[in-house]
Structures are given as structure tokens and as C-alpha cells.
Amino acid sequence: MRVKLCLSALCCLFAVMGFIPVSTGAAYAEKEYTIKSYHYLTVDGKDVNSQAKVNNISDTDIKVTMVLPKQNKNGDWLAYGFTSREALNAFIEKDKQKLQNKVNMMGSGSCCTDFYESKNKGGQYIYWRDGFKNLPSSWNDRISSLSTASPSSSYSTTLWEHTSSQGYGKGVSFRHSDWYGKTANMASDWDNKASAIEIK
């Protein structure tokens, strides 16, 4: 009996010290943010308040999707849609002004967005602080997840499917005030598809 008590006490001590993995329950597990499908709230800043309006907007019309870290009851990620890179940039400039005071109060944080070759920040990674960058051949079509910079460092991170010389193509964007501290995993539409990155 004494031996059992001693062993039990040692196991508890090792668990507290981190030597033995302990299941902490689902309540403490990190939420899985795998970006699969979207439910657009606005397109170019205009409300999309009915399914009929959504149906009138084809996938080819929406060039850039800004994903929010929230889902509807069907599991679609809430998002803002933009029909051009210019429309996204106009939204960013207005939104930056709205967020400025709030962001200044958040203090300092990571200066760069980290891009990973595997889901959940796995494998090799690269990081980028600001501006636009066409990815080198060693990273072209290789990004599977990302962790954004702090909102006090920059506003958003966008993945582009093509390089600037190829016209950018479609983009998927993550506002740092929404995503800082979370890991965004790319699903089939964006997994290993990015050829350029942009941080503003």
C-alpha cells in the first residue's frame, strides 16, 4: 500500500513537471481553424443579406476573401469578399483608421507572419514582416498554415495564388486583429497554392 502511494505521488509530481503527458480534456484543446468554405457577409463593403444576393455573385466575381475566425451553423467561415485587389486595399485603409486606437492599446507582439509547410504550424517555415513578396521556387505552392503577426505590427496577411507578374489571381486574407494567436490551416482550395504573400 505504501509503495502504491509513493508511486502515485511520483506520477503526480512528474505530471506537474511536464514529464508525463496528461489529457486536459477537450475544453482546453486548441480550436481547429481549417479554412474550407465561406459565407460572405459583405462584398466590396456592401451587405449580402440574402441567399439570393449570394447566388448572384459567382466565385469568379470574388477575387479576394478576408476570412473571419467565426463559423455559421453549417461550418462555413464568415468572410468579406472583394472583387479586386484595389477594393481590398480601399477597405484596408478605411478599416485601419477604425482599428488604430484599439490596436495601439494592445501593446507589442510578434513582428512577422510565419508561414508553414504543414498544417498546425508543422514542418519548415518562413516569415515575412511587411510588403509584398513573390515566393521563391523553394516555397512556391508549399504553404499549408500560417500564424499572423501582431495587430500592433501590421494589419493583415494575404496569400496570392499567382505572382505579381502573373496578375496575382485570387487571394485569401487574414486580419491580424482577428487571427493573432490562432493558426489558420489551409484546406484544399488554398493548401499548397500560394505563390505570393503580402503583409500590410
C-alpha atoms as a PDB file:
ATOM      1  CA  MET A   1       0.000   0.000   0.000  1.00  0.00           C
ATOM      2  CA  ARG A   2       2.829   2.353   0.891  1.00  0.00           C
ATOM      3  CA  VAL A   3       4.574   1.559  -2.413  1.00  0.00           C
ATOM      4  CA  LYS A   4       1.377   2.337  -4.347  1.00  0.00           C
ATOM      5  CA  LEU A   5       1.021   5.665  -2.569  1.00  0.00           C
ATOM      6  CA  CYS A   6       4.657   6.554  -3.296  1.00  0.00           C
ATOM      7  CA  LEU A   7       4.305   5.621  -6.964  1.00  0.00           C
ATOM      8  CA  SER A   8       1.096   7.598  -7.203  1.00  0.00           C
ATOM      9  CA  ALA A   9       2.759  10.651  -5.641  1.00  0.00           C
ATOM     10  CA  LEU A  10       5.744  10.343  -8.022  1.00  0.00           C
ATOM     11  CA  CYS A  11       3.445  10.130 -11.060  1.00  0.00           C
ATOM     12  CA  CYS A  12       1.641  13.283  -9.941  1.00  0.00           C
ATOM     13  CA  LEU A  13       4.960  15.071  -9.423  1.00  0.00           C
ATOM     14  CA  PHE A  14       6.249  14.052 -12.866  1.00  0.00           C
ATOM     15  CA  ALA A  15       2.983  15.091 -14.492  1.00  0.00           C
ATOM     16  CA  VAL A  16       3.157  18.525 -12.858  1.00  0.00           C
ATOM     17  CA  MET A  17       6.782  18.876 -14.005  1.00  0.00           C
ATOM     18  CA  GLY A  18       5.726  18.014 -17.571  1.00  0.00           C
ATOM     19  CA  PHE A  19       7.440  14.630 -17.903  1.00  0.00           C
ATOM     20  CA  ILE A  20       4.223  12.664 -18.397  1.00  0.00           C
ATOM     21  CA  PRO A  21       1.619  13.766 -20.957  1.00  0.00           C
ATOM     22  CA  VAL A  22      -1.697  14.388 -19.224  1.00  0.00           C
ATOM     23  CA  SER A  23      -5.017  14.691 -21.036  1.00  0.00           C
ATOM     24  CA  THR A  24      -6.530  18.034 -20.087  1.00  0.00           C
ATOM     25  CA  GLY A  25      -9.877  17.447 -21.783  1.00  0.00           C
ATOM     26  CA  ALA A  26     -11.470  18.891 -24.887  1.00  0.00           C
ATOM     27  CA  ALA A  27     -12.220  22.222 -23.188  1.00  0.00           C
ATOM     28  CA  TYR A  28      -8.517  23.079 -23.254  1.00  0.00           C
ATOM     29  CA  ALA A  29      -7.729  21.767 -26.745  1.00  0.00           C
ATOM     30  CA  GLU A  30      -6.778  24.410 -29.309  1.00  0.00           C
ATOM     31  CA  LYS A  31      -9.615  25.053 -31.739  1.00  0.00           C
ATOM     32  CA  GLU A  32      -9.040  23.732 -35.241  1.00  0.00           C
ATOM     33  CA  TYR A  33      -9.142  26.565 -37.777  1.00  0.00           C
ATOM     34  CA  THR A  34      -9.192  24.774 -41.131  1.00  0.00           C
ATOM     35  CA  ILE A  35     -10.472  27.165 -43.767  1.00  0.00           C
ATOM     36  CA  LYS A  36     -12.784  25.228 -46.092  1.00  0.00           C
ATOM     37  CA  SER A  37     -15.878  27.115 -47.242  1.00  0.00           C
ATOM     38  CA  TYR A  38     -17.128  30.682 -46.871  1.00  0.00           C
ATOM     39  CA  HIS A  39     -20.320  32.564 -46.034  1.00  0.00           C
ATOM     40  CA  TYR A  40     -19.914  36.128 -47.314  1.00  0.00           C
ATOM     41  CA  LEU A  41     -21.265  38.905 -45.075  1.00  0.00           C
ATOM     42  CA  THR A  42     -20.276  41.700 -47.441  1.00  0.00           C
ATOM     43  CA  VAL A  43     -18.881  42.068 -50.953  1.00  0.00           C
ATOM     44  CA  ASP A  44     -16.873  45.252 -51.592  1.00  0.00           C
ATOM     45  CA  GLY A  45     -18.235  46.617 -48.305  1.00  0.00           C
ATOM     46  CA  LYS A  46     -21.910  46.130 -49.221  1.00  0.00           C
ATOM     47  CA  ASP A  47     -24.072  43.829 -47.107  1.00  0.00           C
ATOM     48  CA  VAL A  48     -25.023  40.482 -48.567  1.00  0.00           C
ATOM     49  CA  ASN A  49     -28.139  39.880 -46.523  1.00  0.00           C
ATOM     50  CA  SER A  50     -29.926  37.220 -48.529  1.00  0.00           C
ATOM     51  CA  GLN A  51     -29.095  33.907 -50.186  1.00  0.00           C
ATOM     52  CA  ALA A  52     -30.432  35.300 -53.456  1.00  0.00           C
ATOM     53  CA  LYS A  53     -27.793  38.033 -53.413  1.00  0.00           C
ATOM     54  CA  VAL A  54     -25.086  35.471 -52.670  1.00  0.00           C
ATOM     55  CA  ASN A  55     -26.252  33.319 -55.572  1.00  0.00           C
ATOM     56  CA  ASN A  56     -25.971  36.321 -57.892  1.00  0.00           C
ATOM     57  CA  ILE A  57     -22.290  36.649 -57.026  1.00  0.00           C
ATOM     58  CA  SER A  58     -20.275  33.978 -58.769  1.00  0.00           C
ATOM     59  CA  ASP A  59     -16.997  32.630 -57.442  1.00  0.00           C
ATOM     60  CA  THR A  60     -15.237  34.288 -60.348  1.00  0.00           C
ATOM     61  CA  ASP A  61     -16.532  37.726 -59.240  1.00  0.00           C
ATOM     62  CA  ILE A  62     -14.917  37.448 -55.814  1.00  0.00           C
ATOM     63  CA  LYS A  63     -11.159  37.728 -56.205  1.00  0.00           C
ATOM     64  CA  VAL A  64     -10.155  38.117 -52.550  1.00  0.00           C
ATOM     65  CA  THR A  65     -11.709  36.614 -49.430  1.00  0.00           C
ATOM     66  CA  MET A  66     -10.986  38.076 -45.981  1.00  0.00           C
ATOM     67  CA  VAL A  67     -11.713  35.243 -43.553  1.00  0.00           C
ATOM     68  CA  LEU A  68     -13.035  35.852 -40.039  1.00  0.00           C
ATOM     69  CA  PRO A  69     -12.316  33.322 -37.249  1.00  0.00           C
ATOM     70  CA  LYS A  70     -16.042  32.560 -36.858  1.00  0.00           C
ATOM     71  CA  GLN A  71     -18.297  29.972 -38.458  1.00  0.00           C
ATOM     72  CA  ASN A  72     -22.018  29.799 -39.145  1.00  0.00           C
ATOM     73  CA  LYS A  73     -24.124  26.803 -38.102  1.00  0.00           C
ATOM     74  CA  ASN A  74     -23.200  24.989 -41.345  1.00  0.00           C
ATOM     75  CA  GLY A  75     -19.493  25.281 -40.601  1.00  0.00           C
ATOM     76  CA  ASP A  76     -18.834  27.907 -43.292  1.00  0.00           C
ATOM     77  CA  TRP A  77     -16.335  30.606 -42.310  1.00  0.00           C
ATOM     78  CA  LEU A  78     -17.750  34.110 -42.176  1.00  0.00           C
ATOM     79  CA  ALA A  79     -15.941  36.319 -44.655  1.00  0.00           C
ATOM     80  CA  TYR A  80     -15.778  39.614 -46.519  1.00  0.00           C
ATOM     81  CA  GLY A  81     -15.495  39.324 -50.296  1.00  0.00           C
ATOM     82  CA  PHE A  82     -13.749  41.705 -52.689  1.00  0.00           C
ATOM     83  CA  THR A  83     -13.989  41.798 -56.474  1.00  0.00           C
ATOM     84  CA  SER A  84     -10.458  43.197 -56.906  1.00  0.00           C
ATOM     85  CA  ARG A  85      -7.185  43.802 -55.112  1.00  0.00           C
ATOM     86  CA  GLU A  86      -7.978  47.533 -55.267  1.00  0.00           C
ATOM     87  CA  ALA A  87     -11.316  47.011 -53.461  1.00  0.00           C
ATOM     88  CA  LEU A  88      -9.482  45.081 -50.729  1.00  0.00           C
ATOM     89  CA  ASN A  89      -6.884  47.839 -50.369  1.00  0.00           C
ATOM     90  CA  ALA A  90      -9.591  50.511 -50.101  1.00  0.00           C
ATOM     91  CA  PHE A  91     -11.306  48.502 -47.339  1.00  0.00           C
ATOM     92  CA  ILE A  92      -7.984  48.049 -45.518  1.00  0.00           C
ATOM     93  CA  GLU A  93      -7.240  51.781 -45.499  1.00  0.00           C
ATOM     94  CA  LYS A  94     -10.667  52.614 -44.018  1.00  0.00           C
ATOM     95  CA  ASP A  95     -10.562  49.746 -41.532  1.00  0.00           C
ATOM     96  CA  LYS A  96      -7.043  50.641 -40.357  1.00  0.00           C
ATOM     97  CA  GLN A  97      -8.318  54.047 -39.248  1.00  0.00           C
ATOM     98  CA  LYS A  98     -11.185  52.438 -37.296  1.00  0.00           C
ATOM     99  CA  LEU A  99      -8.862  49.962 -35.588  1.00  0.00           C
ATOM    100  CA  GLN A 100      -5.975  52.362 -34.885  1.00  0.00           C
ATOM    101  CA  ASN A 101      -6.881  53.314 -31.311  1.00  0.00           C
ATOM    102  CA  LYS A 102      -7.878  49.770 -30.383  1.00  0.00           C
ATOM    103  CA  VAL A 103      -4.652  48.288 -31.801  1.00  0.00           C
ATOM    104  CA  ASN A 104      -2.418  50.836 -30.063  1.00  0.00           C
ATOM    105  CA  MET A 105      -3.848  49.649 -26.746  1.00  0.00           C
ATOM    106  CA  MET A 106      -2.988  46.001 -27.496  1.00  0.00           C
ATOM    107  CA  GLY A 107       0.720  46.556 -26.989  1.00  0.00           C
ATOM    108  CA  SER A 108       3.593  44.774 -28.666  1.00  0.00           C
ATOM    109  CA  GLY A 109       3.763  41.294 -30.172  1.00  0.00           C
ATOM    110  CA  SER A 110       5.222  39.262 -32.967  1.00  0.00           C
ATOM    111  CA  CYS A 111       6.571  41.430 -35.779  1.00  0.00           C
ATOM    112  CA  CYS A 112       6.170  38.852 -38.533  1.00  0.00           C
ATOM    113  CA  THR A 113       3.721  36.371 -40.010  1.00  0.00           C
ATOM    114  CA  ASP A 114       5.025  32.798 -40.039  1.00  0.00           C
ATOM    115  CA  PHE A 115       4.161  30.522 -42.971  1.00  0.00           C
ATOM    116  CA  TYR A 116       4.444  26.738 -42.530  1.00  0.00           C
ATOM    117  CA  GLU A 117       4.725  23.841 -44.947  1.00  0.00           C
ATOM    118  CA  SER A 118       2.355  21.628 -42.910  1.00  0.00           C
ATOM    119  CA  LYS A 119      -0.900  22.030 -41.029  1.00  0.00           C
ATOM    120  CA  ASN A 120      -0.911  23.334 -37.420  1.00  0.00           C
ATOM    121  CA  LYS A 121       2.452  25.118 -37.787  1.00  0.00           C
ATOM    122  CA  GLY A 122       4.251  21.905 -38.744  1.00  0.00           C
ATOM    123  CA  GLY A 123       7.441  21.387 -40.717  1.00  0.00           C
ATOM    124  CA  GLN A 124       9.721  24.090 -42.051  1.00  0.00           C
ATOM    125  CA  TYR A 125       8.631  27.721 -42.031  1.00  0.00           C
ATOM    126  CA  ILE A 126       9.464  31.139 -43.391  1.00  0.00           C
ATOM    127  CA  TYR A 127       8.442  34.530 -42.024  1.00  0.00           C
ATOM    128  CA  TRP A 128       7.761  37.922 -43.541  1.00  0.00           C
ATOM    129  CA  ARG A 129       7.470  41.312 -41.863  1.00  0.00           C
ATOM    130  CA  ASP A 130       5.794  43.641 -44.352  1.00  0.00           C
ATOM    131  CA  GLY A 131       5.221  44.397 -48.012  1.00  0.00           C
ATOM    132  CA  PHE A 132       4.672  42.133 -50.994  1.00  0.00           C
ATOM    133  CA  LYS A 133       6.871  39.160 -51.895  1.00  0.00           C
ATOM    134  CA  ASN A 134       6.760  36.699 -54.761  1.00  0.00           C
ATOM    135  CA  LEU A 135       7.721  33.396 -53.172  1.00  0.00           C
ATOM    136  CA  PRO A 136      10.975  31.764 -54.275  1.00  0.00           C
ATOM    137  CA  SER A 137      10.664  28.453 -56.131  1.00  0.00           C
ATOM    138  CA  SER A 138      11.551  26.584 -52.927  1.00  0.00           C
ATOM    139  CA  TRP A 139       8.331  27.920 -51.305  1.00  0.00           C
ATOM    140  CA  ASN A 140       6.017  28.239 -54.300  1.00  0.00           C
ATOM    141  CA  ASP A 141       2.787  26.248 -53.757  1.00  0.00           C
ATOM    142  CA  ARG A 142       4.028  24.985 -50.399  1.00  0.00           C
ATOM    143  CA  ILE A 143       2.224  26.914 -47.608  1.00  0.00           C
ATOM    144  CA  SER A 144      -0.298  24.887 -45.574  1.00  0.00           C
ATOM    145  CA  SER A 145      -0.762  27.025 -42.445  1.00  0.00           C
ATOM    146  CA  LEU A 146       0.089  30.435 -41.069  1.00  0.00           C
ATOM    147  CA  SER A 147       0.304  32.358 -37.818  1.00  0.00           C
ATOM    148  CA  THR A 148      -0.125  36.111 -38.226  1.00  0.00           C
ATOM    149  CA  ALA A 149       1.941  38.984 -36.906  1.00  0.00           C
ATOM    150  CA  SER A 150       0.567  41.054 -34.047  1.00  0.00           C
ATOM    151  CA  PRO A 151      -2.045  43.694 -34.966  1.00  0.00           C
ATOM    152  CA  SER A 152       0.276  46.271 -33.408  1.00  0.00           C
ATOM    153  CA  SER A 153       2.874  45.422 -36.082  1.00  0.00           C
ATOM    154  CA  SER A 154       0.715  45.205 -39.210  1.00  0.00           C
ATOM    155  CA  TYR A 155      -2.892  44.949 -40.329  1.00  0.00           C
ATOM    156  CA  SER A 156      -3.301  41.843 -42.495  1.00  0.00           C
ATOM    157  CA  THR A 157      -1.671  38.929 -44.283  1.00  0.00           C
ATOM    158  CA  THR A 158      -2.802  37.898 -47.766  1.00  0.00           C
ATOM    159  CA  LEU A 159      -1.871  34.806 -49.755  1.00  0.00           C
ATOM    160  CA  TRP A 160      -1.993  35.206 -53.549  1.00  0.00           C
ATOM    161  CA  GLU A 161      -2.351  32.275 -55.911  1.00  0.00           C
ATOM    162  CA  HIS A 162      -0.073  33.867 -58.552  1.00  0.00           C
ATOM    163  CA  THR A 163       2.954  36.130 -58.610  1.00  0.00           C
ATOM    164  CA  SER A 164       2.605  39.848 -59.395  1.00  0.00           C
ATOM    165  CA  SER A 165       3.831  39.292 -62.955  1.00  0.00           C
ATOM    166  CA  GLN A 166       1.069  36.688 -63.384  1.00  0.00           C
ATOM    167  CA  GLY A 167      -1.612  39.114 -62.166  1.00  0.00           C
ATOM    168  CA  TYR A 168      -1.965  37.936 -58.525  1.00  0.00           C
ATOM    169  CA  GLY A 169      -5.025  35.760 -59.216  1.00  0.00           C
ATOM    170  CA  LYS A 170      -7.270  35.015 -56.249  1.00  0.00           C
ATOM    171  CA  GLY A 171      -6.320  35.906 -52.696  1.00  0.00           C
ATOM    172  CA  VAL A 172      -7.224  34.898 -49.164  1.00  0.00           C
ATOM    173  CA  SER A 173      -6.648  37.450 -46.411  1.00  0.00           C
ATOM    174  CA  PHE A 174      -6.393  37.331 -42.607  1.00  0.00           C
ATOM    175  CA  ARG A 175      -6.854  40.461 -40.480  1.00  0.00           C
ATOM    176  CA  HIS A 176      -4.327  40.335 -37.636  1.00  0.00           C
ATOM    177  CA  SER A 177      -6.723  41.747 -35.049  1.00  0.00           C
ATOM    178  CA  ASP A 178      -8.921  38.676 -35.720  1.00  0.00           C
ATOM    179  CA  TRP A 179      -6.271  35.985 -36.164  1.00  0.00           C
ATOM    180  CA  TYR A 180      -3.327  36.853 -33.903  1.00  0.00           C
ATOM    181  CA  GLY A 181      -2.707  33.907 -31.566  1.00  0.00           C
ATOM    182  CA  LYS A 182      -4.605  31.475 -33.823  1.00  0.00           C
ATOM    183  CA  THR A 183      -3.307  29.129 -36.522  1.00  0.00           C
ATOM    184  CA  ALA A 184      -5.101  29.196 -39.879  1.00  0.00           C
ATOM    185  CA  ASN A 185      -4.889  25.891 -41.764  1.00  0.00           C
ATOM    186  CA  MET A 186      -5.436  25.937 -45.498  1.00  0.00           C
ATOM    187  CA  ALA A 187      -7.972  23.455 -46.894  1.00  0.00           C
ATOM    188  CA  SER A 188      -7.981  22.060 -50.443  1.00  0.00           C
ATOM    189  CA  ASP A 189      -8.730  25.414 -52.141  1.00  0.00           C
ATOM    190  CA  TRP A 190      -5.625  27.034 -50.647  1.00  0.00           C
ATOM    191  CA  ASP A 191      -3.397  24.234 -49.365  1.00  0.00           C
ATOM    192  CA  ASN A 192      -0.092  24.429 -51.254  1.00  0.00           C
ATOM    193  CA  LYS A 193      -1.481  27.007 -53.687  1.00  0.00           C
ATOM    194  CA  ALA A 194       0.158  30.323 -52.719  1.00  0.00           C
ATOM    195  CA  SER A 195       2.786  31.888 -54.985  1.00  0.00           C
ATOM    196  CA  ALA A 196       3.000  35.282 -53.280  1.00  0.00           C
ATOM    197  CA  ILE A 197       2.468  36.791 -49.830  1.00  0.00           C
ATOM    198  CA  GLU A 198       1.557  40.326 -48.784  1.00  0.00           C
ATOM    199  CA  ILE A 199       1.578  41.928 -45.352  1.00  0.00           C
ATOM    200  CA  LYS A 200       0.162  45.434 -44.935  1.00  0.00           C
END
